């Protein structure tokens, strides 16, 4: 008899450069290197994104995503988590917007069909802060050091992955193609 596995996909918050100031930080300062090395790194990311058919824009700064993570968990509670996460991805990686800015986050919430005033309350009252803290602690305990990381059972895939790699992972745990 073949076991069945729960293949529910969940987004989890991760502390990616949590000390980044609200105004953001130049990539040269974050990685303590020169602009030539940053250009090579960003180009490698761009090529990987292109290979995986993911949108990717030019980047010179990193921004603190903590509040976006909190709002993303709330969006999940509202049934709009996936839409919000995709919009936040595009805002950050394609448009280079600062996800630490409340106006940017409220625009994303509105764009994904969420009530702006409710989203503003979530940000002001930090109602999902403890949940993000738990996700951050879970990632530390699991030894996750990069995003994205795909975890299933005892296996992890780190970094952007092809459809084939993700398929092999879920099929290993009993999923069958539809």
N, C-alpha and C. Protein backbone atom coordinates (compact mmCIF):
# COMPACT_ATOMS: atom_id res chain seq x y z
N UNK A 1 0.84 -1.17 0.00
CA UNK A 1 0.00 0.00 0.00
C UNK A 1 0.89 1.25 0.00
N UNK A 2 0.57 2.18 -0.90
CA UNK A 2 1.37 3.39 -1.02
C UNK A 2 0.86 4.45 -0.05
N UNK A 3 1.80 5.08 0.68
CA UNK A 3 1.42 6.14 1.61
C UNK A 3 1.02 7.39 0.83
N UNK A 4 0.13 8.18 1.41
CA UNK A 4 -0.24 9.46 0.82
C UNK A 4 0.42 10.56 1.63
N UNK A 5 0.79 11.62 0.94
CA UNK A 5 1.46 12.74 1.60
C UNK A 5 0.65 14.01 1.41
N UNK A 6 0.63 14.85 2.44
CA UNK A 6 -0.01 16.15 2.34
C UNK A 6 0.94 17.06 1.58
N UNK A 7 0.52 17.55 0.44
CA UNK A 7 1.39 18.38 -0.39
C UNK A 7 0.97 19.84 -0.35
N UNK A 8 0.38 20.26 0.76
CA UNK A 8 -0.03 21.64 0.93
C UNK A 8 1.21 22.53 0.88
N UNK A 9 1.21 23.52 0.00
CA UNK A 9 2.33 24.44 -0.14
C UNK A 9 2.07 25.64 0.76
N UNK A 10 3.05 25.95 1.61
CA UNK A 10 2.94 27.10 2.51
C UNK A 10 4.14 28.01 2.34
N UNK A 11 3.86 29.30 2.24
CA UNK A 11 4.91 30.30 2.26
C UNK A 11 5.32 30.48 3.71
N UNK A 12 6.59 30.63 3.95
CA UNK A 12 7.09 30.88 5.31
C UNK A 12 7.98 32.11 5.26
N UNK A 13 7.93 32.88 6.32
CA UNK A 13 8.76 34.08 6.42
C UNK A 13 10.20 33.66 6.73
N UNK A 14 11.16 34.42 6.22
CA UNK A 14 12.58 34.12 6.42
C UNK A 14 13.32 35.43 6.70
N UNK A 15 14.24 35.43 7.66
CA UNK A 15 14.96 36.67 8.01
C UNK A 15 16.09 36.99 7.04
N UNK A 16 15.73 37.45 5.86
CA UNK A 16 16.73 37.79 4.86
C UNK A 16 17.24 39.21 5.14
N UNK A 17 18.44 39.30 5.66
CA UNK A 17 19.07 40.58 6.01
C UNK A 17 18.16 41.41 6.91
N UNK A 18 17.79 40.88 8.07
CA UNK A 18 16.82 41.58 8.94
C UNK A 18 17.32 42.89 9.52
N UNK A 19 18.61 43.15 9.46
CA UNK A 19 19.15 44.40 10.01
C UNK A 19 19.17 45.53 8.98
N UNK A 20 18.66 45.26 7.78
CA UNK A 20 18.63 46.29 6.75
C UNK A 20 17.76 47.45 7.22
N UNK A 21 18.28 48.69 7.14
CA UNK A 21 17.47 49.83 7.59
C UNK A 21 16.26 50.06 6.68
N UNK A 22 15.29 50.78 7.19
CA UNK A 22 14.05 51.01 6.44
C UNK A 22 14.30 51.63 5.07
N UNK A 23 15.28 52.52 4.97
CA UNK A 23 15.56 53.17 3.69
C UNK A 23 16.30 52.26 2.71
N UNK A 24 16.68 51.09 3.16
CA UNK A 24 17.39 50.14 2.29
C UNK A 24 18.89 50.29 2.43
N UNK A 25 19.59 49.50 1.64
CA UNK A 25 21.05 49.49 1.71
C UNK A 25 21.59 49.15 0.33
N UNK A 26 22.65 49.82 -0.07
CA UNK A 26 23.31 49.50 -1.34
C UNK A 26 23.84 48.07 -1.27
N UNK A 27 23.74 47.35 -2.38
CA UNK A 27 24.25 45.97 -2.41
C UNK A 27 25.75 45.94 -2.15
N UNK A 28 26.49 46.97 -2.59
CA UNK A 28 27.93 47.02 -2.33
C UNK A 28 28.21 47.04 -0.83
N UNK A 29 27.39 47.77 -0.09
CA UNK A 29 27.56 47.86 1.36
C UNK A 29 27.14 46.55 2.05
N UNK A 30 26.03 45.98 1.59
CA UNK A 30 25.55 44.73 2.18
C UNK A 30 26.58 43.61 2.04
N UNK A 31 27.12 43.47 0.83
CA UNK A 31 28.05 42.37 0.56
C UNK A 31 29.52 42.77 0.68
N UNK A 32 29.75 44.01 1.06
CA UNK A 32 31.11 44.53 1.28
C UNK A 32 32.04 44.23 0.10
N UNK A 33 31.59 44.68 -1.07
CA UNK A 33 32.39 44.47 -2.27
C UNK A 33 32.16 45.65 -3.22
N UNK A 34 32.85 45.64 -4.35
CA UNK A 34 32.75 46.76 -5.28
C UNK A 34 31.61 46.56 -6.29
N UNK A 35 31.32 47.63 -7.02
CA UNK A 35 30.20 47.61 -7.97
C UNK A 35 30.40 46.59 -9.09
N UNK A 36 31.65 46.32 -9.46
CA UNK A 36 31.91 45.32 -10.51
C UNK A 36 31.45 43.93 -10.05
N UNK A 37 31.80 43.57 -8.82
CA UNK A 37 31.38 42.27 -8.29
C UNK A 37 29.85 42.20 -8.14
N UNK A 38 29.25 43.29 -7.73
CA UNK A 38 27.78 43.34 -7.60
C UNK A 38 27.14 43.15 -8.97
N UNK A 39 27.68 43.81 -9.98
CA UNK A 39 27.15 43.67 -11.34
C UNK A 39 27.20 42.22 -11.81
N UNK A 40 28.31 41.55 -11.52
CA UNK A 40 28.44 40.13 -11.90
C UNK A 40 27.41 39.28 -11.15
N UNK A 41 27.22 39.55 -9.87
CA UNK A 41 26.26 38.79 -9.06
C UNK A 41 24.84 39.01 -9.57
N UNK A 42 24.47 40.26 -9.82
CA UNK A 42 23.12 40.57 -10.31
C UNK A 42 22.90 39.96 -11.69
N UNK A 43 23.91 39.98 -12.52
CA UNK A 43 23.78 39.38 -13.86
C UNK A 43 23.56 37.87 -13.75
N UNK A 44 24.26 37.23 -12.84
CA UNK A 44 24.05 35.79 -12.64
C UNK A 44 22.61 35.51 -12.19
N UNK A 45 22.11 36.33 -11.28
CA UNK A 45 20.71 36.19 -10.85
C UNK A 45 19.75 36.42 -12.01
N UNK A 46 20.04 37.43 -12.82
CA UNK A 46 19.18 37.73 -13.97
C UNK A 46 19.14 36.55 -14.94
N UNK A 47 20.29 35.95 -15.20
CA UNK A 47 20.34 34.81 -16.11
C UNK A 47 19.59 33.61 -15.55
N UNK A 48 19.72 33.37 -14.25
CA UNK A 48 18.97 32.29 -13.61
C UNK A 48 17.48 32.55 -13.71
N UNK A 49 17.07 33.78 -13.45
CA UNK A 49 15.65 34.13 -13.56
C UNK A 49 15.15 33.94 -14.99
N UNK A 50 15.95 34.36 -15.95
CA UNK A 50 15.57 34.20 -17.35
C UNK A 50 15.43 32.72 -17.71
N UNK A 51 16.38 31.92 -17.26
CA UNK A 51 16.35 30.48 -17.50
C UNK A 51 15.09 29.84 -16.93
N UNK A 52 14.63 30.35 -15.79
CA UNK A 52 13.44 29.80 -15.13
C UNK A 52 12.17 30.57 -15.49
N UNK A 53 12.28 31.47 -16.45
CA UNK A 53 11.15 32.28 -16.92
C UNK A 53 10.53 33.11 -15.80
N UNK A 54 11.40 33.67 -14.96
CA UNK A 54 10.96 34.55 -13.88
C UNK A 54 11.31 35.99 -14.22
N UNK A 55 10.43 36.92 -13.88
CA UNK A 55 10.77 38.33 -14.13
C UNK A 55 11.86 38.79 -13.17
N UNK A 56 12.71 39.66 -13.65
CA UNK A 56 13.80 40.17 -12.81
C UNK A 56 14.28 41.49 -13.38
N UNK A 57 14.30 42.52 -12.54
CA UNK A 57 14.74 43.84 -12.98
C UNK A 57 16.10 44.18 -12.41
N UNK A 58 16.66 45.31 -12.82
CA UNK A 58 17.96 45.73 -12.29
C UNK A 58 17.84 46.09 -10.81
N UNK A 59 18.86 45.75 -10.05
CA UNK A 59 18.84 46.03 -8.61
C UNK A 59 20.16 46.64 -8.19
N UNK A 60 20.06 47.64 -7.33
CA UNK A 60 21.24 48.24 -6.74
C UNK A 60 21.15 48.27 -5.22
N UNK A 61 19.94 48.03 -4.68
CA UNK A 61 19.70 48.12 -3.24
C UNK A 61 18.94 46.88 -2.76
N UNK A 62 19.05 46.65 -1.47
CA UNK A 62 18.21 45.65 -0.81
C UNK A 62 17.35 46.40 0.20
N UNK A 63 16.20 45.83 0.49
CA UNK A 63 15.27 46.47 1.42
C UNK A 63 14.82 45.47 2.47
N UNK A 64 14.41 45.98 3.60
CA UNK A 64 13.94 45.15 4.69
C UNK A 64 12.53 44.66 4.37
N UNK A 65 12.34 43.36 4.39
CA UNK A 65 11.05 42.76 4.00
C UNK A 65 10.21 42.32 5.20
N UNK A 66 10.61 42.68 6.40
CA UNK A 66 9.90 42.22 7.60
C UNK A 66 8.40 42.57 7.56
N UNK A 67 8.05 43.82 7.31
CA UNK A 67 6.64 44.21 7.30
C UNK A 67 5.88 43.53 6.16
N UNK A 68 6.54 43.33 5.03
CA UNK A 68 5.90 42.62 3.92
C UNK A 68 5.59 41.17 4.32
N UNK A 69 6.49 40.57 5.10
CA UNK A 69 6.24 39.21 5.57
C UNK A 69 5.04 39.18 6.51
N UNK A 70 4.95 40.16 7.39
CA UNK A 70 3.81 40.22 8.31
C UNK A 70 2.51 40.40 7.53
N UNK A 71 2.52 41.31 6.57
CA UNK A 71 1.31 41.55 5.78
C UNK A 71 0.99 40.33 4.91
N UNK A 72 2.02 39.63 4.44
CA UNK A 72 1.80 38.42 3.65
C UNK A 72 1.10 37.33 4.44
N UNK A 73 1.46 37.16 5.70
CA UNK A 73 0.77 36.16 6.53
C UNK A 73 -0.69 36.54 6.74
N UNK A 74 -0.95 37.83 6.93
CA UNK A 74 -2.33 38.28 7.06
C UNK A 74 -3.09 38.06 5.75
N UNK A 75 -2.43 38.34 4.62
CA UNK A 75 -3.05 38.12 3.31
C UNK A 75 -3.44 36.65 3.14
N UNK A 76 -2.60 35.75 3.63
CA UNK A 76 -2.94 34.32 3.59
C UNK A 76 -4.22 34.05 4.37
N UNK A 77 -4.35 34.67 5.53
CA UNK A 77 -5.57 34.50 6.34
C UNK A 77 -6.81 34.98 5.59
N UNK A 78 -6.62 35.93 4.68
CA UNK A 78 -7.72 36.50 3.91
C UNK A 78 -7.96 35.76 2.59
N UNK A 79 -7.18 34.69 2.36
CA UNK A 79 -7.32 33.93 1.12
C UNK A 79 -6.62 34.57 -0.07
N UNK A 80 -5.76 35.54 0.18
CA UNK A 80 -5.06 36.24 -0.90
C UNK A 80 -3.53 36.14 -0.77
N UNK A 81 -3.07 35.15 -0.01
CA UNK A 81 -1.64 35.03 0.23
C UNK A 81 -0.82 34.87 -1.02
N UNK A 82 -1.21 33.94 -1.88
CA UNK A 82 -0.42 33.70 -3.09
C UNK A 82 -0.36 34.97 -3.94
N UNK A 83 -1.50 35.62 -4.14
CA UNK A 83 -1.53 36.85 -4.94
C UNK A 83 -0.64 37.92 -4.33
N UNK A 84 -0.72 38.08 -3.02
CA UNK A 84 0.10 39.09 -2.35
C UNK A 84 1.59 38.77 -2.48
N UNK A 85 1.96 37.50 -2.26
CA UNK A 85 3.38 37.13 -2.34
C UNK A 85 3.93 37.37 -3.74
N UNK A 86 3.14 37.04 -4.77
CA UNK A 86 3.58 37.27 -6.15
C UNK A 86 3.72 38.77 -6.42
N UNK A 87 2.77 39.55 -5.95
CA UNK A 87 2.84 41.01 -6.14
C UNK A 87 4.06 41.58 -5.41
N UNK A 88 4.34 41.09 -4.20
CA UNK A 88 5.51 41.57 -3.45
C UNK A 88 6.80 41.16 -4.16
N UNK A 89 6.84 39.94 -4.70
CA UNK A 89 8.01 39.49 -5.46
C UNK A 89 8.27 40.44 -6.63
N UNK A 90 7.23 40.72 -7.41
CA UNK A 90 7.37 41.60 -8.57
C UNK A 90 7.79 43.01 -8.14
N UNK A 91 7.17 43.51 -7.08
CA UNK A 91 7.50 44.86 -6.62
C UNK A 91 8.99 44.95 -6.26
N UNK A 92 9.49 43.92 -5.59
CA UNK A 92 10.87 43.93 -5.11
C UNK A 92 11.87 43.58 -6.21
N UNK A 93 11.65 42.43 -6.86
CA UNK A 93 12.66 41.93 -7.80
C UNK A 93 12.54 42.48 -9.22
N UNK A 94 11.38 43.01 -9.58
CA UNK A 94 11.23 43.56 -10.92
C UNK A 94 11.28 45.08 -10.89
N UNK A 95 10.50 45.67 -9.98
CA UNK A 95 10.40 47.13 -9.94
C UNK A 95 11.36 47.79 -8.95
N UNK A 96 11.99 47.01 -8.08
CA UNK A 96 12.95 47.56 -7.13
C UNK A 96 12.32 48.44 -6.06
N UNK A 97 11.04 48.18 -5.72
CA UNK A 97 10.36 48.99 -4.72
C UNK A 97 10.80 48.61 -3.31
N UNK A 98 10.71 49.57 -2.41
CA UNK A 98 11.10 49.38 -1.02
C UNK A 98 9.94 48.77 -0.24
N UNK A 99 10.03 47.49 0.08
CA UNK A 99 8.97 46.79 0.81
C UNK A 99 8.90 47.17 2.28
N UNK A 100 9.77 48.04 2.74
CA UNK A 100 9.69 48.52 4.11
C UNK A 100 8.78 49.75 4.21
N UNK A 101 8.40 50.30 3.06
CA UNK A 101 7.55 51.49 3.05
C UNK A 101 6.08 51.10 3.12
N UNK A 102 5.39 51.68 4.08
CA UNK A 102 3.97 51.35 4.30
C UNK A 102 3.14 51.62 3.04
N UNK A 103 3.40 52.73 2.34
CA UNK A 103 2.61 53.06 1.15
C UNK A 103 2.75 51.98 0.09
N UNK A 104 3.95 51.47 -0.10
CA UNK A 104 4.18 50.40 -1.08
C UNK A 104 3.36 49.17 -0.68
N UNK A 105 3.41 48.81 0.60
CA UNK A 105 2.69 47.62 1.07
C UNK A 105 1.18 47.80 0.95
N UNK A 106 0.69 48.97 1.27
CA UNK A 106 -0.75 49.21 1.16
C UNK A 106 -1.20 49.18 -0.30
N UNK A 107 -0.37 49.68 -1.20
CA UNK A 107 -0.69 49.59 -2.64
C UNK A 107 -0.74 48.13 -3.08
N UNK A 108 0.20 47.32 -2.60
CA UNK A 108 0.19 45.89 -2.94
C UNK A 108 -1.05 45.21 -2.40
N UNK A 109 -1.42 45.55 -1.17
CA UNK A 109 -2.63 44.96 -0.57
C UNK A 109 -3.85 45.30 -1.43
N UNK A 110 -3.99 46.56 -1.76
CA UNK A 110 -5.13 47.00 -2.58
C UNK A 110 -5.12 46.32 -3.95
N UNK A 111 -3.95 46.24 -4.55
CA UNK A 111 -3.78 45.62 -5.87
C UNK A 111 -4.19 44.15 -5.86
N UNK A 112 -4.05 43.49 -4.72
CA UNK A 112 -4.38 42.06 -4.63
C UNK A 112 -5.77 41.82 -4.03
N UNK A 113 -6.57 42.88 -3.97
CA UNK A 113 -7.95 42.72 -3.53
C UNK A 113 -8.16 42.74 -2.03
N UNK A 114 -7.18 43.18 -1.28
CA UNK A 114 -7.31 43.26 0.18
C UNK A 114 -7.79 44.65 0.58
N UNK A 115 -8.49 44.70 1.68
CA UNK A 115 -9.00 45.97 2.18
C UNK A 115 -7.83 46.80 2.73
N UNK A 116 -7.64 47.96 2.15
CA UNK A 116 -6.49 48.80 2.51
C UNK A 116 -6.51 49.22 3.97
N UNK A 117 -7.66 49.59 4.50
CA UNK A 117 -7.73 50.04 5.89
C UNK A 117 -7.41 48.90 6.86
N UNK A 118 -7.84 47.69 6.52
CA UNK A 118 -7.52 46.53 7.35
C UNK A 118 -6.02 46.23 7.29
N UNK A 119 -5.44 46.35 6.10
CA UNK A 119 -4.00 46.13 5.94
C UNK A 119 -3.22 47.17 6.75
N UNK A 120 -3.71 48.39 6.74
CA UNK A 120 -3.05 49.45 7.52
C UNK A 120 -3.07 49.12 9.01
N UNK A 121 -4.17 48.58 9.49
CA UNK A 121 -4.28 48.18 10.90
C UNK A 121 -3.29 47.07 11.22
N UNK A 122 -3.16 46.09 10.32
CA UNK A 122 -2.22 44.99 10.52
C UNK A 122 -0.80 45.54 10.67
N UNK A 123 -0.44 46.50 9.81
CA UNK A 123 0.90 47.07 9.87
C UNK A 123 1.10 47.93 11.12
N UNK A 124 0.11 48.72 11.46
CA UNK A 124 0.23 49.61 12.62
C UNK A 124 0.29 48.82 13.93
N UNK A 125 -0.56 47.79 14.04
CA UNK A 125 -0.64 47.03 15.29
C UNK A 125 0.29 45.82 15.32
N UNK A 126 0.95 45.55 14.17
CA UNK A 126 1.91 44.42 14.06
C UNK A 126 1.26 43.11 14.52
N UNK A 127 0.04 42.86 14.06
CA UNK A 127 -0.73 41.70 14.52
C UNK A 127 -0.15 40.35 14.09
N UNK A 128 0.71 40.35 13.09
CA UNK A 128 1.31 39.09 12.63
C UNK A 128 2.79 38.98 12.98
N UNK A 129 3.28 39.88 13.81
CA UNK A 129 4.71 39.89 14.16
C UNK A 129 5.14 38.60 14.84
N UNK A 130 4.35 38.08 15.77
CA UNK A 130 4.73 36.86 16.48
C UNK A 130 4.78 35.66 15.54
N UNK A 131 3.90 35.63 14.55
CA UNK A 131 3.92 34.53 13.57
C UNK A 131 5.18 34.57 12.72
N UNK A 132 5.59 35.77 12.34
CA UNK A 132 6.84 35.91 11.57
C UNK A 132 8.01 35.48 12.45
N UNK A 133 8.00 35.88 13.71
CA UNK A 133 9.06 35.45 14.63
C UNK A 133 9.15 33.93 14.68
N UNK A 134 8.01 33.25 14.74
CA UNK A 134 8.01 31.78 14.78
C UNK A 134 8.58 31.19 13.50
N UNK A 135 8.19 31.75 12.36
CA UNK A 135 8.75 31.27 11.09
C UNK A 135 10.26 31.46 11.07
N UNK A 136 10.73 32.61 11.53
CA UNK A 136 12.17 32.87 11.54
C UNK A 136 12.88 31.85 12.43
N UNK A 137 12.31 31.57 13.57
CA UNK A 137 12.91 30.59 14.49
C UNK A 137 12.88 29.19 13.87
N UNK A 138 11.78 28.83 13.23
CA UNK A 138 11.69 27.52 12.57
C UNK A 138 12.77 27.38 11.50
N UNK A 139 12.98 28.44 10.71
CA UNK A 139 14.00 28.36 9.65
C UNK A 139 15.39 28.19 10.27
N UNK A 140 15.64 28.87 11.38
CA UNK A 140 16.93 28.72 12.06
C UNK A 140 17.11 27.28 12.53
N UNK A 141 16.08 26.71 13.16
CA UNK A 141 16.16 25.34 13.68
C UNK A 141 16.32 24.31 12.55
N UNK A 142 15.76 24.62 11.37
CA UNK A 142 15.85 23.69 10.23
C UNK A 142 17.14 23.88 9.44
N UNK A 143 17.95 24.86 9.81
CA UNK A 143 19.21 25.09 9.11
C UNK A 143 19.03 25.74 7.75
N UNK A 144 17.94 26.46 7.56
CA UNK A 144 17.71 27.14 6.29
C UNK A 144 18.50 28.45 6.31
N UNK A 145 19.29 28.64 5.26
CA UNK A 145 20.17 29.81 5.22
C UNK A 145 19.96 30.67 3.97
N UNK A 146 19.04 30.29 3.10
CA UNK A 146 18.84 31.03 1.86
C UNK A 146 17.39 30.89 1.40
N UNK A 147 16.99 31.82 0.55
CA UNK A 147 15.66 31.76 -0.05
C UNK A 147 15.80 31.81 -1.56
N UNK A 148 14.91 31.12 -2.27
CA UNK A 148 13.91 30.22 -1.70
C UNK A 148 14.54 28.91 -1.27
N UNK A 149 13.93 28.27 -0.32
CA UNK A 149 14.25 26.90 0.07
C UNK A 149 12.95 26.12 0.07
N UNK A 150 12.92 25.01 -0.61
CA UNK A 150 11.75 24.16 -0.69
C UNK A 150 12.00 22.95 0.21
N UNK A 151 11.13 22.75 1.18
CA UNK A 151 11.30 21.67 2.14
C UNK A 151 10.15 20.69 2.00
N UNK A 152 10.48 19.42 1.91
CA UNK A 152 9.47 18.37 1.90
C UNK A 152 10.07 17.17 2.61
N UNK A 153 9.39 16.74 3.67
CA UNK A 153 9.92 15.63 4.45
C UNK A 153 11.29 15.99 4.98
N UNK A 154 12.26 15.14 4.71
CA UNK A 154 13.63 15.38 5.17
C UNK A 154 14.51 16.01 4.10
N UNK A 155 13.92 16.41 2.98
CA UNK A 155 14.70 16.94 1.87
C UNK A 155 14.48 18.44 1.68
N UNK A 156 15.55 19.11 1.21
CA UNK A 156 15.50 20.54 0.93
C UNK A 156 16.11 20.79 -0.45
N UNK A 157 15.49 21.70 -1.19
CA UNK A 157 16.08 22.24 -2.40
C UNK A 157 16.30 23.72 -2.14
N UNK A 158 17.51 24.20 -2.36
CA UNK A 158 17.86 25.58 -2.06
C UNK A 158 18.05 26.35 -3.36
N UNK A 159 17.47 27.54 -3.40
CA UNK A 159 17.60 28.41 -4.57
C UNK A 159 16.45 28.21 -5.54
N UNK A 160 16.38 29.11 -6.52
CA UNK A 160 15.36 28.99 -7.57
C UNK A 160 15.57 27.65 -8.27
N UNK A 161 14.48 26.92 -8.48
CA UNK A 161 14.57 25.58 -9.02
C UNK A 161 13.73 25.43 -10.28
N UNK A 162 14.15 24.54 -11.14
CA UNK A 162 13.37 24.25 -12.34
C UNK A 162 12.13 23.43 -11.96
N UNK A 163 11.16 23.43 -12.83
CA UNK A 163 9.95 22.64 -12.62
C UNK A 163 10.32 21.16 -12.46
N UNK A 164 11.29 20.70 -13.24
CA UNK A 164 11.70 19.29 -13.18
C UNK A 164 12.25 18.92 -11.80
N UNK A 165 13.09 19.78 -11.24
CA UNK A 165 13.64 19.50 -9.90
C UNK A 165 12.54 19.46 -8.85
N UNK A 166 11.62 20.43 -8.91
CA UNK A 166 10.52 20.44 -7.95
C UNK A 166 9.62 19.22 -8.14
N UNK A 167 9.39 18.83 -9.38
CA UNK A 167 8.57 17.63 -9.66
C UNK A 167 9.21 16.39 -9.06
N UNK A 168 10.51 16.24 -9.23
CA UNK A 168 11.20 15.07 -8.66
C UNK A 168 11.04 15.03 -7.14
N UNK A 169 11.13 16.20 -6.50
CA UNK A 169 11.00 16.25 -5.06
C UNK A 169 9.61 15.79 -4.62
N UNK A 170 8.57 16.34 -5.21
CA UNK A 170 7.23 15.97 -4.76
C UNK A 170 6.86 14.54 -5.17
N UNK A 171 7.34 14.09 -6.31
CA UNK A 171 7.08 12.70 -6.71
C UNK A 171 7.79 11.72 -5.78
N UNK A 172 8.95 12.11 -5.26
CA UNK A 172 9.66 11.27 -4.29
C UNK A 172 8.77 11.00 -3.08
N UNK A 173 7.93 11.97 -2.74
CA UNK A 173 7.05 11.82 -1.59
C UNK A 173 5.64 11.37 -1.98
N UNK A 174 5.50 10.81 -3.16
CA UNK A 174 4.24 10.16 -3.53
C UNK A 174 3.29 10.94 -4.38
N UNK A 175 3.64 12.16 -4.76
CA UNK A 175 2.73 12.91 -5.63
C UNK A 175 2.78 12.31 -7.02
N UNK A 176 1.67 12.33 -7.69
CA UNK A 176 1.62 11.86 -9.07
C UNK A 176 1.13 13.02 -9.95
N UNK A 177 1.68 13.11 -11.16
CA UNK A 177 1.23 14.19 -12.06
C UNK A 177 -0.26 14.06 -12.35
N UNK A 178 -0.91 15.17 -12.43
CA UNK A 178 -2.35 15.16 -12.74
C UNK A 178 -2.58 14.94 -14.19
